[in-house]
Structure formats: structure tokens, C-alpha cells
Protein backbone atom coordinates (compact mmCIF):
# COMPACT_ATOMS: atom_id res chain seq x y z
CA MET A 1 -0.06 0.23 -0.03
CA ILE A 2 1.51 3.02 -1.52
CA LEU A 3 0.10 6.69 0.09
CA GLY A 4 -2.77 4.82 1.45
CA LEU A 5 -3.75 3.89 -2.01
CA ASP A 6 -4.58 -0.10 -2.35
CA ASP A 7 -4.15 0.21 -6.34
CA PRO A 8 -0.29 0.88 -7.10
CA PHE A 9 -1.14 2.15 -10.70
CA VAL A 10 -3.21 4.68 -8.96
CA ALA A 11 -0.26 5.59 -6.51
CA MET A 12 2.07 5.58 -9.20
CA ALA A 13 -0.07 8.39 -11.56
CA TYR A 14 -0.58 10.06 -8.70
CA LEU A 15 3.46 10.52 -7.66
CA SER A 16 3.56 11.00 -11.65
CA ILE A 17 1.65 14.04 -11.62
CA LEU A 18 3.53 15.34 -8.58
CA ALA A 19 7.13 14.77 -10.13
CA LEU A 20 5.69 16.52 -13.54
CA ALA A 21 4.45 19.37 -11.41
CA ALA A 22 7.79 19.82 -9.86
CA PHE A 23 9.76 19.20 -12.60
CA SER A 24 7.47 22.01 -14.72
CA ILE A 25 7.94 24.42 -12.24
CA ILE A 26 12.02 24.13 -11.78
CA TYR A 27 12.19 23.86 -15.63
CA GLY A 28 10.11 27.03 -16.11
CA THR A 29 12.36 28.65 -13.21
CA LEU A 30 15.60 27.72 -14.99
CA ARG A 31 14.48 28.84 -18.78
CA ARG A 32 12.66 31.70 -17.62
CA HIS A 33 15.34 34.15 -18.83
CA ALA A 34 16.74 32.00 -21.25
CA ALA A 35 15.60 33.91 -24.48
CA PRO A 36 16.90 37.64 -25.08
CA ASP A 37 14.32 40.34 -25.05
CA GLU A 38 15.80 42.51 -27.84
CA ILE A 39 14.04 45.22 -29.32
CA THR A 40 14.94 45.86 -32.99
CA GLU A 41 14.86 49.15 -34.79
CA GLU A 42 11.56 47.61 -36.99
CA ASP A 43 9.77 46.49 -33.96
CA HIS A 44 10.25 50.43 -32.76
CA GLN A 45 9.12 51.63 -35.79
CA TRP A 46 6.13 49.10 -35.81
CA ALA A 47 5.22 50.41 -32.27
CA LEU A 48 5.44 54.03 -33.41
CA GLU A 49 2.64 53.17 -36.18
CA GLU A 50 0.41 51.51 -34.22
CA GLN A 51 0.47 54.07 -31.41
CA GLN A 52 -0.25 56.45 -34.16
CA VAL A 53 -3.09 54.48 -35.45
CA ASP A 54 -4.37 54.08 -31.79
CA ASP A 55 -4.26 58.11 -31.56
CA GLU A 56 -6.16 58.63 -34.61
CA ARG A 57 -9.06 56.59 -33.36
């Protein structure tokens, strides 16, 4: 009997869910800042054009 559950498959599924949740949190924390967030001149021009369009409304 694992974790008070009689069926080992249910216990394995329960433990797998907990392991996956822990892995997701750790992976997300480590990869949070992996990709640099660089703003190119093209992005800047696009943002300015969008702001002008919004201001005209």
C-alpha cells in the first residue's frame, strides 16, 4: 500500500503528477530568462506606427 492507496497504478499516477508538476516549476524557473528580449529598430517603428493609428481613433 503506497500513500494509503490500494491500487499501485493509481499511486503511480498520483506520484507522476506530482513529479511532473515539480519538473515544470523547476524547468520554467531555469528557462525564464533564457531568450533575450531584444527590441529591434523594426519593432520600434512598428510600435510607433501602431501608436499613431491608436491616437487617430
